[in-house]
Amino acid sequence: MTEEEIYAFDRLGYLVLPGFLTGDQVGILGEAVDRLETHALEHVTLPPRKVSAWGSDYHVNEELGYHVKGERAEGKTLIIEDFWNADPAFDLLLDHEPTTRYIHGVVQGHATINNSEIRIRYKGNQSGTHQPTGPKYTYDYNADGIDCRMVRFVYFVHDVSEEQGAFCVVPSSHKSNLPSPYGNDPDLEPEMLSLEVKAGDAILFTERLRHGGVTNRSDQVRKTIHVGYGPYWLMSQNIATMDEPQHILDRTRERLSKAQNRLFEPWAKNQ
């Protein structure tokens, strides 16, 4: 990370990174997301089921190894977790040098993946504003620089304007000492900023930042890939497997390199 990027991330809590993925990478990932959406929609209502610790009801897909909830309908969203098992096309994000470089700039020590989800937002859907609190979400700055716990990359496989349901943030809110007095409707919150992006762009942000997604008022289905990172001792932060070991199938581990596998290792194996 450059000095300017470190300053901006510390001050604002996020970075917009233009052209973070190549055109070829965007094509590969976009096609993989489309394939997985089609498969997930065919299975989302079927057994086997899992009710997460947070009360969400998921379909557990034993064929491709993912968890999914939601539906394709106006105002709705489809969330597919653990997509690494479903398609090796996503592996390019595990070997993505720019991603690694930025994560090392904001997470101290050995960082691992704790969240992996594809969010597919249909017309009329919004992602309610939220700002997690607690020890898993802290943002600090010390003698070694920025020290985040949970951070997230959002990768964009198509353009997203404000009209198309842009990711949105309240800049610098990660340093607020008070809970927000506003509700969870991002369209109504003062100081909420929509971050418009192009295909291939990425957004990196601390989960301590107040964030969400404005209403998708267009006919475009909004598709994004989310990968969360944090200290090695954090277990899964996917809703379906919250605080469990990462749901990585044996056949997936056999496909991945040693370095890629280490991104999913539970804390005991990294001591």
C-alpha atoms as a PDB file:
ATOM      1  CA  MET A   1       0.000   0.000   0.000  1.00  0.00           C
ATOM      2  CA  THR A   2       1.178   3.485  -0.756  1.00  0.00           C
ATOM      3  CA  GLU A   3       1.507   6.170   1.897  1.00  0.00           C
ATOM      4  CA  GLU A   4      -1.519   7.913   0.374  1.00  0.00           C
ATOM      5  CA  GLU A   5      -3.628   4.735   0.519  1.00  0.00           C
ATOM      6  CA  ILE A   6      -2.694   4.039   4.120  1.00  0.00           C
ATOM      7  CA  TYR A   7      -3.647   7.593   5.050  1.00  0.00           C
ATOM      8  CA  ALA A   8      -6.963   7.353   3.176  1.00  0.00           C
ATOM      9  CA  PHE A   9      -7.888   3.967   4.668  1.00  0.00           C
ATOM     10  CA  ASP A  10      -7.092   5.110   8.192  1.00  0.00           C
ATOM     11  CA  ARG A  11      -9.062   8.313   7.741  1.00  0.00           C
ATOM     12  CA  LEU A  12     -12.065   6.944   5.800  1.00  0.00           C
ATOM     13  CA  GLY A  13     -12.238   3.231   6.627  1.00  0.00           C
ATOM     14  CA  TYR A  14     -12.335   2.087   2.997  1.00  0.00           C
ATOM     15  CA  LEU A  15     -10.577   2.247  -0.375  1.00  0.00           C
ATOM     16  CA  VAL A  16     -12.010   2.067  -3.882  1.00  0.00           C
ATOM     17  CA  LEU A  17      -9.437   0.304  -6.085  1.00  0.00           C
ATOM     18  CA  PRO A  18     -10.030   0.897  -9.819  1.00  0.00           C
ATOM     19  CA  GLY A  19      -8.984  -1.818 -12.274  1.00  0.00           C
ATOM     20  CA  PHE A  20      -8.076  -4.239  -9.497  1.00  0.00           C
ATOM     21  CA  LEU A  21      -8.943  -7.246 -11.670  1.00  0.00           C
ATOM     22  CA  THR A  22      -7.930  -7.759 -15.302  1.00  0.00           C
ATOM     23  CA  GLY A  23     -10.498  -8.086 -18.060  1.00  0.00           C
ATOM     24  CA  ASP A  24      -9.780 -11.820 -18.316  1.00  0.00           C
ATOM     25  CA  GLN A  25     -10.238 -12.269 -14.563  1.00  0.00           C
ATOM     26  CA  VAL A  26     -13.540 -10.372 -14.662  1.00  0.00           C
ATOM     27  CA  GLY A  27     -14.738 -12.663 -17.466  1.00  0.00           C
ATOM     28  CA  ILE A  28     -13.749 -15.849 -15.638  1.00  0.00           C
ATOM     29  CA  LEU A  29     -15.313 -14.772 -12.347  1.00  0.00           C
ATOM     30  CA  GLY A  30     -18.458 -13.370 -13.945  1.00  0.00           C
ATOM     31  CA  GLU A  31     -19.145 -16.611 -15.801  1.00  0.00           C
ATOM     32  CA  ALA A  32     -18.541 -18.626 -12.614  1.00  0.00           C
ATOM     33  CA  VAL A  33     -20.977 -16.430 -10.661  1.00  0.00           C
ATOM     34  CA  ASP A  34     -23.629 -16.880 -13.375  1.00  0.00           C
ATOM     35  CA  ARG A  35     -23.212 -20.679 -13.335  1.00  0.00           C
ATOM     36  CA  LEU A  36     -23.439 -20.810  -9.569  1.00  0.00           C
ATOM     37  CA  GLU A  37     -26.499 -18.537  -9.473  1.00  0.00           C
ATOM     38  CA  THR A  38     -28.328 -20.863 -11.875  1.00  0.00           C
ATOM     39  CA  HIS A  39     -27.427 -23.941  -9.820  1.00  0.00           C
ATOM     40  CA  ALA A  40     -28.283 -22.288  -6.490  1.00  0.00           C
ATOM     41  CA  LEU A  41     -31.697 -21.092  -7.664  1.00  0.00           C
ATOM     42  CA  GLU A  42     -32.552 -24.658  -8.672  1.00  0.00           C
ATOM     43  CA  HIS A  43     -31.665 -25.977  -5.198  1.00  0.00           C
ATOM     44  CA  VAL A  44     -32.244 -23.186  -2.656  1.00  0.00           C
ATOM     45  CA  THR A  45     -35.633 -24.507  -1.448  1.00  0.00           C
ATOM     46  CA  LEU A  46     -34.574 -28.158  -1.267  1.00  0.00           C
ATOM     47  CA  PRO A  47     -33.209 -30.308   1.557  1.00  0.00           C
ATOM     48  CA  PRO A  48     -30.833 -30.828   3.234  1.00  0.00           C
ATOM     49  CA  ARG A  49     -31.280 -27.728   5.387  1.00  0.00           C
ATOM     50  CA  LYS A  50     -29.231 -25.999   8.064  1.00  0.00           C
ATOM     51  CA  VAL A  51     -30.475 -23.317  10.453  1.00  0.00           C
ATOM     52  CA  SER A  52     -27.519 -21.134  11.364  1.00  0.00           C
ATOM     53  CA  ALA A  53     -26.673 -19.848  14.827  1.00  0.00           C
ATOM     54  CA  TRP A  54     -28.229 -16.564  13.698  1.00  0.00           C
ATOM     55  CA  GLY A  55     -31.503 -18.264  12.743  1.00  0.00           C
ATOM     56  CA  SER A  56     -31.106 -18.140   8.947  1.00  0.00           C
ATOM     57  CA  ASP A  57     -32.355 -21.162   7.010  1.00  0.00           C
ATOM     58  CA  TYR A  58     -29.871 -22.424   4.403  1.00  0.00           C
ATOM     59  CA  HIS A  59     -29.849 -25.134   1.774  1.00  0.00           C
ATOM     60  CA  VAL A  60     -26.684 -27.219   2.126  1.00  0.00           C
ATOM     61  CA  ASN A  61     -25.589 -28.306  -1.335  1.00  0.00           C
ATOM     62  CA  GLU A  62     -23.739 -31.582  -0.997  1.00  0.00           C
ATOM     63  CA  GLU A  63     -22.872 -31.763  -4.705  1.00  0.00           C
ATOM     64  CA  LEU A  64     -20.991 -28.449  -4.949  1.00  0.00           C
ATOM     65  CA  GLY A  65     -20.307 -27.776  -1.263  1.00  0.00           C
ATOM     66  CA  TYR A  66     -21.974 -24.379  -0.836  1.00  0.00           C
ATOM     67  CA  HIS A  67     -24.660 -22.931   1.468  1.00  0.00           C
ATOM     68  CA  VAL A  68     -27.401 -20.728   0.010  1.00  0.00           C
ATOM     69  CA  LYS A  69     -30.418 -18.749   1.180  1.00  0.00           C
ATOM     70  CA  GLY A  70     -32.822 -16.279  -0.452  1.00  0.00           C
ATOM     71  CA  GLU A  71     -34.819 -16.185  -3.658  1.00  0.00           C
ATOM     72  CA  ARG A  72     -35.033 -14.579  -7.085  1.00  0.00           C
ATOM     73  CA  ALA A  73     -37.850 -12.040  -6.724  1.00  0.00           C
ATOM     74  CA  GLU A  74     -38.323  -8.298  -6.610  1.00  0.00           C
ATOM     75  CA  GLY A  75     -36.812  -6.885  -3.441  1.00  0.00           C
ATOM     76  CA  LYS A  76     -35.008 -10.132  -2.638  1.00  0.00           C
ATOM     77  CA  THR A  77     -31.420 -11.324  -2.597  1.00  0.00           C
ATOM     78  CA  LEU A  78     -29.625 -14.632  -3.046  1.00  0.00           C
ATOM     79  CA  ILE A  79     -26.573 -15.261  -0.835  1.00  0.00           C
ATOM     80  CA  ILE A  80     -24.231 -18.119  -1.722  1.00  0.00           C
ATOM     81  CA  GLU A  81     -21.551 -18.954   0.844  1.00  0.00           C
ATOM     82  CA  ASP A  82     -18.469 -21.203   0.593  1.00  0.00           C
ATOM     83  CA  PHE A  83     -18.246 -20.786  -3.175  1.00  0.00           C
ATOM     84  CA  TRP A  84     -14.630 -22.033  -3.223  1.00  0.00           C
ATOM     85  CA  ASN A  85     -15.937 -25.604  -3.169  1.00  0.00           C
ATOM     86  CA  ALA A  86     -18.228 -25.072  -6.137  1.00  0.00           C
ATOM     87  CA  ASP A  87     -15.895 -23.934  -8.902  1.00  0.00           C
ATOM     88  CA  PRO A  88     -12.085 -23.738  -9.259  1.00  0.00           C
ATOM     89  CA  ALA A  89     -12.564 -20.545 -11.276  1.00  0.00           C
ATOM     90  CA  PHE A  90     -12.646 -18.674  -7.959  1.00  0.00           C
ATOM     91  CA  ASP A  91      -9.146 -19.878  -7.048  1.00  0.00           C
ATOM     92  CA  LEU A  92      -7.608 -16.930  -8.871  1.00  0.00           C
ATOM     93  CA  LEU A  93      -8.632 -14.777  -5.916  1.00  0.00           C
ATOM     94  CA  LEU A  94      -6.483 -16.930  -3.637  1.00  0.00           C
ATOM     95  CA  ASP A  95      -3.367 -16.275  -5.725  1.00  0.00           C
ATOM     96  CA  HIS A  96      -4.144 -12.624  -6.326  1.00  0.00           C
ATOM     97  CA  GLU A  97      -0.999 -10.714  -5.384  1.00  0.00           C
ATOM     98  CA  PRO A  98      -2.662  -7.266  -5.136  1.00  0.00           C
ATOM     99  CA  THR A  99      -5.232  -8.660  -2.692  1.00  0.00           C
ATOM    100  CA  THR A 100      -2.489 -10.196  -0.538  1.00  0.00           C
ATOM    101  CA  ARG A 101      -0.531  -6.949  -0.531  1.00  0.00           C
ATOM    102  CA  TYR A 102      -3.484  -4.863   0.664  1.00  0.00           C
ATOM    103  CA  ILE A 103      -4.503  -7.385   3.318  1.00  0.00           C
ATOM    104  CA  HIS A 104      -0.975  -7.363   4.728  1.00  0.00           C
ATOM    105  CA  GLY A 105      -1.266  -3.578   4.904  1.00  0.00           C
ATOM    106  CA  VAL A 106      -4.309  -3.572   7.193  1.00  0.00           C
ATOM    107  CA  VAL A 107      -4.251  -6.901   9.094  1.00  0.00           C
ATOM    108  CA  GLN A 108      -1.194  -7.508  11.259  1.00  0.00           C
ATOM    109  CA  GLY A 109       0.342 -10.973  11.524  1.00  0.00           C
ATOM    110  CA  HIS A 110      -0.849 -14.030   9.635  1.00  0.00           C
ATOM    111  CA  ALA A 111      -4.206 -13.246   8.002  1.00  0.00           C
ATOM    112  CA  THR A 112      -6.712 -15.888   6.925  1.00  0.00           C
ATOM    113  CA  ILE A 113     -10.023 -15.918   5.073  1.00  0.00           C
ATOM    114  CA  ASN A 114     -13.071 -15.956   7.331  1.00  0.00           C
ATOM    115  CA  ASN A 115     -15.900 -14.996   4.971  1.00  0.00           C
ATOM    116  CA  SER A 116     -16.774 -15.958   1.403  1.00  0.00           C
ATOM    117  CA  GLU A 117     -20.083 -15.093  -0.190  1.00  0.00           C
ATOM    118  CA  ILE A 118     -21.645 -14.145  -3.488  1.00  0.00           C
ATOM    119  CA  ARG A 119     -24.420 -11.584  -3.124  1.00  0.00           C
ATOM    120  CA  ILE A 120     -26.978 -11.418  -5.911  1.00  0.00           C
ATOM    121  CA  ARG A 121     -29.408  -8.541  -5.442  1.00  0.00           C
ATOM    122  CA  TYR A 122     -32.510  -8.357  -7.586  1.00  0.00           C
ATOM    123  CA  LYS A 123     -34.500  -5.251  -8.515  1.00  0.00           C
ATOM    124  CA  GLY A 124     -35.875  -3.431  -5.481  1.00  0.00           C
ATOM    125  CA  ASN A 125     -33.453  -5.024  -3.034  1.00  0.00           C
ATOM    126  CA  GLN A 126     -31.326  -3.051  -0.598  1.00  0.00           C
ATOM    127  CA  SER A 127     -28.769  -4.141   1.997  1.00  0.00           C
ATOM    128  CA  GLY A 128     -29.687  -2.577   5.303  1.00  0.00           C
ATOM    129  CA  THR A 129     -27.106  -0.317   6.912  1.00  0.00           C
ATOM    130  CA  HIS A 130     -25.136  -1.960   9.708  1.00  0.00           C
ATOM    131  CA  GLN A 131     -22.031  -1.336  11.789  1.00  0.00           C
ATOM    132  CA  PRO A 132     -20.883  -4.368  13.789  1.00  0.00           C
ATOM    133  CA  THR A 133     -19.422  -3.877  17.233  1.00  0.00           C
ATOM    134  CA  GLY A 134     -17.509  -6.176  19.535  1.00  0.00           C
ATOM    135  CA  PRO A 135     -14.013  -7.681  19.670  1.00  0.00           C
ATOM    136  CA  LYS A 136     -14.185  -9.308  16.225  1.00  0.00           C
ATOM    137  CA  TYR A 137     -14.663  -5.974  14.475  1.00  0.00           C
ATOM    138  CA  THR A 138     -12.109  -3.677  16.087  1.00  0.00           C
ATOM    139  CA  TYR A 139     -10.088  -1.085  14.203  1.00  0.00           C
ATOM    140  CA  ASP A 140      -6.841   0.087  15.807  1.00  0.00           C
ATOM    141  CA  TYR A 141      -3.644   1.897  14.938  1.00  0.00           C
ATOM    142  CA  ASN A 142      -0.400   1.118  16.768  1.00  0.00           C
ATOM    143  CA  ALA A 143       3.366   1.341  16.372  1.00  0.00           C
ATOM    144  CA  ASP A 144       3.200  -1.148  13.488  1.00  0.00           C
ATOM    145  CA  GLY A 145       0.451   0.733  11.649  1.00  0.00           C
ATOM    146  CA  ILE A 146      -3.169  -0.173  10.911  1.00  0.00           C
ATOM    147  CA  ASP A 147      -4.408  -3.175  12.893  1.00  0.00           C
ATOM    148  CA  CYS A 148      -7.823  -4.457  11.759  1.00  0.00           C
ATOM    149  CA  ARG A 149      -9.577  -7.600  12.754  1.00  0.00           C
ATOM    150  CA  MET A 150     -12.318  -8.200  10.170  1.00  0.00           C
ATOM    151  CA  VAL A 151     -11.905  -6.561   6.772  1.00  0.00           C
ATOM    152  CA  ARG A 152     -13.586  -7.368   3.481  1.00  0.00           C
ATOM    153  CA  PHE A 153     -12.853  -7.195  -0.211  1.00  0.00           C
ATOM    154  CA  VAL A 154     -15.785  -6.735  -2.592  1.00  0.00           C
ATOM    155  CA  TYR A 155     -14.950  -7.612  -6.207  1.00  0.00           C
ATOM    156  CA  PHE A 156     -17.130  -6.288  -9.030  1.00  0.00           C
ATOM    157  CA  VAL A 157     -17.800  -8.316 -12.189  1.00  0.00           C
ATOM    158  CA  HIS A 158     -19.929  -5.572 -13.793  1.00  0.00           C
ATOM    159  CA  ASP A 159     -20.470  -1.829 -13.453  1.00  0.00           C
ATOM    160  CA  VAL A 160     -22.610  -0.736 -10.496  1.00  0.00           C
ATOM    161  CA  SER A 161     -24.073   2.758 -10.356  1.00  0.00           C
ATOM    162  CA  GLU A 162     -26.071   4.275  -7.517  1.00  0.00           C
ATOM    163  CA  GLU A 163     -29.251   3.446  -9.453  1.00  0.00           C
ATOM    164  CA  GLN A 164     -28.087  -0.167  -9.679  1.00  0.00           C
ATOM    165  CA  GLY A 165     -27.703  -0.611  -5.923  1.00  0.00           C
ATOM    166  CA  ALA A 166     -24.215   0.664  -5.143  1.00  0.00           C
ATOM    167  CA  PHE A 167     -22.315  -0.377  -2.054  1.00  0.00           C
ATOM    168  CA  CYS A 168     -22.488   2.534   0.377  1.00  0.00           C
ATOM    169  CA  VAL A 169     -20.619   3.757   3.438  1.00  0.00           C
ATOM    170  CA  VAL A 170     -20.613   6.490   6.040  1.00  0.00           C
ATOM    171  CA  PRO A 171     -16.986   7.635   5.715  1.00  0.00           C
ATOM    172  CA  SER A 172     -14.909   7.676   8.919  1.00  0.00           C
ATOM    173  CA  SER A 173     -17.700   6.055  10.961  1.00  0.00           C
ATOM    174  CA  HIS A 174     -15.274   3.283  11.998  1.00  0.00           C
ATOM    175  CA  LYS A 175     -13.862   5.802  14.477  1.00  0.00           C
ATOM    176  CA  SER A 176     -17.196   6.856  15.930  1.00  0.00           C
ATOM    177  CA  ASN A 177     -17.639   6.398  19.674  1.00  0.00           C
ATOM    178  CA  LEU A 178     -21.446   6.490  19.567  1.00  0.00           C
ATOM    179  CA  PRO A 179     -24.101   4.223  18.020  1.00  0.00           C
ATOM    180  CA  SER A 180     -25.823   5.686  14.993  1.00  0.00           C
ATOM    181  CA  PRO A 181     -29.149   7.411  15.749  1.00  0.00           C
ATOM    182  CA  TYR A 182     -30.444   6.478  12.283  1.00  0.00           C
ATOM    183  CA  GLY A 183     -32.254   3.337  11.212  1.00  0.00           C
ATOM    184  CA  ASN A 184     -31.000   0.746   8.760  1.00  0.00           C
ATOM    185  CA  ASP A 185     -32.378   2.247   5.519  1.00  0.00           C
ATOM    186  CA  PRO A 186     -29.304   3.400   3.571  1.00  0.00           C
ATOM    187  CA  ASP A 187     -31.422   5.491   1.200  1.00  0.00           C
ATOM    188  CA  LEU A 188     -32.466   7.781   4.042  1.00  0.00           C
ATOM    189  CA  GLU A 189     -29.302   8.128   6.095  1.00  0.00           C
ATOM    190  CA  PRO A 190     -27.487  11.486   6.068  1.00  0.00           C
ATOM    191  CA  GLU A 191     -23.811  11.344   5.065  1.00  0.00           C
ATOM    192  CA  MET A 192     -24.303   7.943   3.390  1.00  0.00           C
ATOM    193  CA  LEU A 193     -22.091   7.823   0.298  1.00  0.00           C
ATOM    194  CA  SER A 194     -22.766   5.523  -2.681  1.00  0.00           C
ATOM    195  CA  LEU A 195     -19.558   4.158  -4.203  1.00  0.00           C
ATOM    196  CA  GLU A 196     -20.093   3.748  -7.942  1.00  0.00           C
ATOM    197  CA  VAL A 197     -17.689   1.300  -9.600  1.00  0.00           C
ATOM    198  CA  LYS A 198     -16.766  -0.311 -12.907  1.00  0.00           C
ATOM    199  CA  ALA A 199     -16.239  -3.976 -13.762  1.00  0.00           C
ATOM    200  CA  GLY A 200     -12.857  -5.043 -12.379  1.00  0.00           C
ATOM    201  CA  ASP A 201     -12.861  -2.548  -9.517  1.00  0.00           C
ATOM    202  CA  ALA A 202     -12.716  -3.631  -5.883  1.00  0.00           C
ATOM    203  CA  ILE A 203     -13.567  -2.069  -2.540  1.00  0.00           C
ATOM    204  CA  LEU A 204     -11.626  -2.840   0.638  1.00  0.00           C
ATOM    205  CA  PHE A 205     -13.186  -1.785   3.946  1.00  0.00           C
ATOM    206  CA  THR A 206     -13.062  -2.457   7.659  1.00  0.00           C
ATOM    207  CA  GLU A 207     -16.184  -4.190   8.953  1.00  0.00           C
ATOM    208  CA  ARG A 208     -16.222  -1.607  11.751  1.00  0.00           C
ATOM    209  CA  LEU A 209     -17.325   0.938   9.127  1.00  0.00           C
ATOM    210  CA  ARG A 210     -21.042   1.696   8.842  1.00  0.00           C
ATOM    211  CA  HIS A 211     -22.031   0.261   5.455  1.00  0.00           C
ATOM    212  CA  GLY A 212     -24.780  -1.274   3.339  1.00  0.00           C
ATOM    213  CA  GLY A 213     -26.205  -1.173  -0.166  1.00  0.00           C
ATOM    214  CA  VAL A 214     -28.661   1.382  -1.567  1.00  0.00           C
ATOM    215  CA  THR A 215     -31.789   0.142  -3.316  1.00  0.00           C
ATOM    216  CA  ASN A 216     -31.312  -1.444  -6.722  1.00  0.00           C
ATOM    217  CA  ARG A 217     -33.789   0.596  -8.779  1.00  0.00           C
ATOM    218  CA  SER A 218     -32.650  -0.812 -12.116  1.00  0.00           C
ATOM    219  CA  ASP A 219     -33.374  -3.943 -14.112  1.00  0.00           C
ATOM    220  CA  GLN A 220     -29.755  -5.067 -13.738  1.00  0.00           C
ATOM    221  CA  VAL A 221     -29.196  -7.954 -11.336  1.00  0.00           C
ATOM    222  CA  ARG A 222     -26.375  -6.820  -9.046  1.00  0.00           C
ATOM    223  CA  LYS A 223     -23.734  -9.515  -8.499  1.00  0.00           C
ATOM    224  CA  THR A 224     -20.705  -9.148  -6.230  1.00  0.00           C
ATOM    225  CA  ILE A 225     -18.057 -11.449  -4.765  1.00  0.00           C
ATOM    226  CA  HIS A 226     -17.143 -10.894  -1.105  1.00  0.00           C
ATOM    227  CA  VAL A 227     -14.045 -12.268   0.619  1.00  0.00           C
ATOM    228  CA  GLY A 228     -13.386 -11.449   4.268  1.00  0.00           C
ATOM    229  CA  TYR A 229     -10.005 -11.578   6.009  1.00  0.00           C
ATOM    230  CA  GLY A 230      -8.795 -11.244   9.572  1.00  0.00           C
ATOM    231  CA  PRO A 231      -6.357 -12.613  12.165  1.00  0.00           C
ATOM    232  CA  TYR A 232      -5.632 -16.335  11.890  1.00  0.00           C
ATOM    233  CA  TRP A 233      -7.581 -17.163  15.071  1.00  0.00           C
ATOM    234  CA  LEU A 234     -10.941 -16.027  13.677  1.00  0.00           C
ATOM    235  CA  MET A 235     -13.140 -18.919  12.623  1.00  0.00           C
ATOM    236  CA  SER A 236     -15.780 -18.741   9.869  1.00  0.00           C
ATOM    237  CA  GLN A 237     -17.777 -15.519   9.745  1.00  0.00           C
ATOM    238  CA  ASN A 238     -20.206 -16.818   7.130  1.00  0.00           C
ATOM    239  CA  ILE A 239     -23.724 -16.792   8.557  1.00  0.00           C
ATOM    240  CA  ALA A 240     -24.330 -20.488   7.799  1.00  0.00           C
ATOM    241  CA  THR A 241     -21.179 -21.607   9.630  1.00  0.00           C
ATOM    242  CA  MET A 242     -20.631 -18.770  12.100  1.00  0.00           C
ATOM    243  CA  ASP A 243     -17.663 -19.426  14.421  1.00  0.00           C
ATOM    244  CA  GLU A 244     -17.170 -22.924  13.023  1.00  0.00           C
ATOM    245  CA  PRO A 245     -14.101 -24.025  11.033  1.00  0.00           C
ATOM    246  CA  GLN A 246     -14.170 -22.888   7.421  1.00  0.00           C
ATOM    247  CA  HIS A 247     -16.341 -25.207   5.296  1.00  0.00           C
ATOM    248  CA  ILE A 248     -13.696 -26.379   2.846  1.00  0.00           C
ATOM    249  CA  LEU A 249     -14.240 -29.868   1.417  1.00  0.00           C
ATOM    250  CA  ASP A 250     -11.460 -32.431   1.267  1.00  0.00           C
ATOM    251  CA  ARG A 251     -11.597 -32.448  -2.521  1.00  0.00           C
ATOM    252  CA  THR A 252     -11.161 -28.663  -2.508  1.00  0.00           C
ATOM    253  CA  ARG A 253      -8.147 -28.892  -0.224  1.00  0.00           C
ATOM    254  CA  GLU A 254      -6.602 -31.488  -2.549  1.00  0.00           C
ATOM    255  CA  ARG A 255      -6.936 -29.017  -5.423  1.00  0.00           C
ATOM    256  CA  LEU A 256      -5.415 -26.069  -3.592  1.00  0.00           C
ATOM    257  CA  SER A 257      -1.735 -25.389  -3.052  1.00  0.00           C
ATOM    258  CA  LYS A 258      -0.174 -25.418   0.409  1.00  0.00           C
ATOM    259  CA  ALA A 259      -0.220 -21.617   0.522  1.00  0.00           C
ATOM    260  CA  GLN A 260      -3.872 -21.502  -0.549  1.00  0.00           C
ATOM    261  CA  ASN A 261      -4.868 -24.082   2.046  1.00  0.00           C
ATOM    262  CA  ARG A 262      -3.154 -22.068   4.763  1.00  0.00           C
ATOM    263  CA  LEU A 263      -5.649 -19.263   4.119  1.00  0.00           C
ATOM    264  CA  PHE A 264      -8.371 -21.541   5.539  1.00  0.00           C
ATOM    265  CA  GLU A 265      -6.518 -23.250   8.390  1.00  0.00           C
ATOM    266  CA  PRO A 266      -8.021 -23.089  11.898  1.00  0.00           C
ATOM    267  CA  TRP A 267      -6.078 -21.214  14.519  1.00  0.00           C
ATOM    268  CA  ALA A 268      -4.443 -24.255  16.150  1.00  0.00           C
ATOM    269  CA  LYS A 269      -2.575 -25.159  12.968  1.00  0.00           C
ATOM    270  CA  ASN A 270      -0.984 -21.745  12.693  1.00  0.00           C
ATOM    271  CA  GLN A 271       0.658 -21.558  16.101  1.00  0.00           C
END
